[in-house]
Each structure stands twice: as C-alpha cells, then as structure tokens.
C-alpha cells in the first residue's frame, strides 16, 4: 500500500535513521505514536507534523506487513 511519510531534514523520524530505497521491519507491538512505522494516506495530514519551511522532507512509501489505521495514521510493521 502506498502512503506518505514525513521526515526531518536528515531523513530521521522518531530517532530512527532512514535511507532512500531501503526496507525496514519492526518486530514488536504496533502502538500509536510509540512504535512501528507511521505514515498517512493523506499528504496534507503530514504537514501538521512536518513543515517544509523547517527543512522537512516527504516521501511516498510502500507499507506492508501488519497494519493498523487510526484516523489518518497508518502504523505498519514494514516500510
């Protein structure tokens, strides 16, 4: 499933370093705002948390594995 994800200018999010083109798997319980990989089906939702004027970056991501949906946030075990 394709979703949108925001990052800090150094491609980190919640102290996790991402690299373009890489895949990641989270082993553990998926918890809103605490664990798993967070993304959104709505690109405008991401702007509530990451502002381009502050150097934020945005990407289309492919999410897989176990998934939960809370309002406009996906939490997935693979990204």
Protein backbone atom coordinates (compact mmCIF):
# COMPACT_ATOMS: atom_id res chain seq x y z
CA UNK A 1 0.00 0.00 0.00
CA UNK A 2 1.33 3.43 -0.86
CA UNK A 3 1.27 6.14 1.82
CA UNK A 4 3.03 9.42 2.66
CA UNK A 5 5.69 9.88 5.32
CA UNK A 6 7.39 12.93 6.76
CA UNK A 7 11.00 13.10 7.91
CA UNK A 8 13.38 15.57 9.48
CA UNK A 9 15.88 17.14 7.07
CA UNK A 10 18.40 14.34 7.81
CA UNK A 11 15.85 11.61 6.88
CA UNK A 12 15.24 10.67 10.53
CA UNK A 13 11.89 10.21 12.22
CA UNK A 14 11.49 9.49 15.93
CA UNK A 15 15.26 8.92 16.27
CA UNK A 16 15.27 6.29 13.50
CA UNK A 17 17.56 6.84 10.51
CA UNK A 18 16.04 6.00 7.14
CA UNK A 19 17.84 5.61 3.82
CA UNK A 20 16.16 6.02 0.45
CA UNK A 21 15.47 2.72 -1.27
CA UNK A 22 15.90 0.61 1.87
CA UNK A 23 13.30 -1.60 3.56
CA UNK A 24 12.78 -1.87 7.29
CA UNK A 25 10.90 -4.29 9.53
CA UNK A 26 9.65 -3.62 13.04
CA UNK A 27 9.33 -6.65 15.30
CA UNK A 28 7.08 -5.84 18.20
CA UNK A 29 3.70 -4.44 19.11
CA UNK A 30 2.44 -1.59 16.94
CA UNK A 31 1.44 1.35 19.15
CA UNK A 32 0.24 4.77 18.01
CA UNK A 33 2.94 7.45 18.46
CA UNK A 34 5.27 4.92 20.12
CA UNK A 35 6.26 2.04 17.88
CA UNK A 36 6.05 0.78 14.33
CA UNK A 37 6.36 2.83 11.16
CA UNK A 38 3.90 5.73 10.94
CA UNK A 39 2.60 7.17 7.67
CA UNK A 40 -0.63 8.59 6.27
CA UNK A 41 -2.89 8.08 3.26
CA UNK A 42 -3.38 11.87 3.27
CA UNK A 43 -0.36 14.03 2.32
CA UNK A 44 -1.95 17.09 3.93
CA UNK A 45 -2.03 15.32 7.29
CA UNK A 46 1.76 15.06 7.23
CA UNK A 47 2.01 18.86 7.06
CA UNK A 48 0.51 19.03 10.55
CA UNK A 49 3.68 17.40 11.89
CA UNK A 50 6.45 18.33 9.44
CA UNK A 51 6.87 21.80 7.96
CA UNK A 52 8.82 22.25 4.70
CA UNK A 53 9.96 25.69 5.84
CA UNK A 54 11.90 23.94 8.62
CA UNK A 55 13.60 21.58 6.18
CA UNK A 56 11.25 18.64 6.50
CA UNK A 57 11.27 16.03 3.76
CA UNK A 58 8.43 13.96 2.40
CA UNK A 59 8.28 10.67 0.55
CA UNK A 60 5.89 8.15 -0.87
CA UNK A 61 6.45 4.91 0.99
CA UNK A 62 5.32 1.33 0.44
CA UNK A 63 3.93 -0.08 3.68
CA UNK A 64 3.33 -3.78 4.26
CA UNK A 65 3.02 -6.43 6.92
CA UNK A 66 0.81 -5.90 9.92
CA UNK A 67 -1.06 -2.59 9.68
CA UNK A 68 -3.31 -0.54 11.91
CA UNK A 69 -5.25 2.59 10.95
CA UNK A 70 -6.05 5.34 13.46
CA UNK A 71 -7.94 8.26 11.93
CA UNK A 72 -5.42 9.36 9.27
CA UNK A 73 -2.38 7.45 10.51
CA UNK A 74 -1.19 4.05 9.36
CA UNK A 75 1.10 2.09 11.64
CA UNK A 76 2.87 -0.73 9.83
CA UNK A 77 5.43 -3.38 10.61
CA UNK A 78 7.24 -2.98 7.25
CA UNK A 79 8.15 0.05 5.22
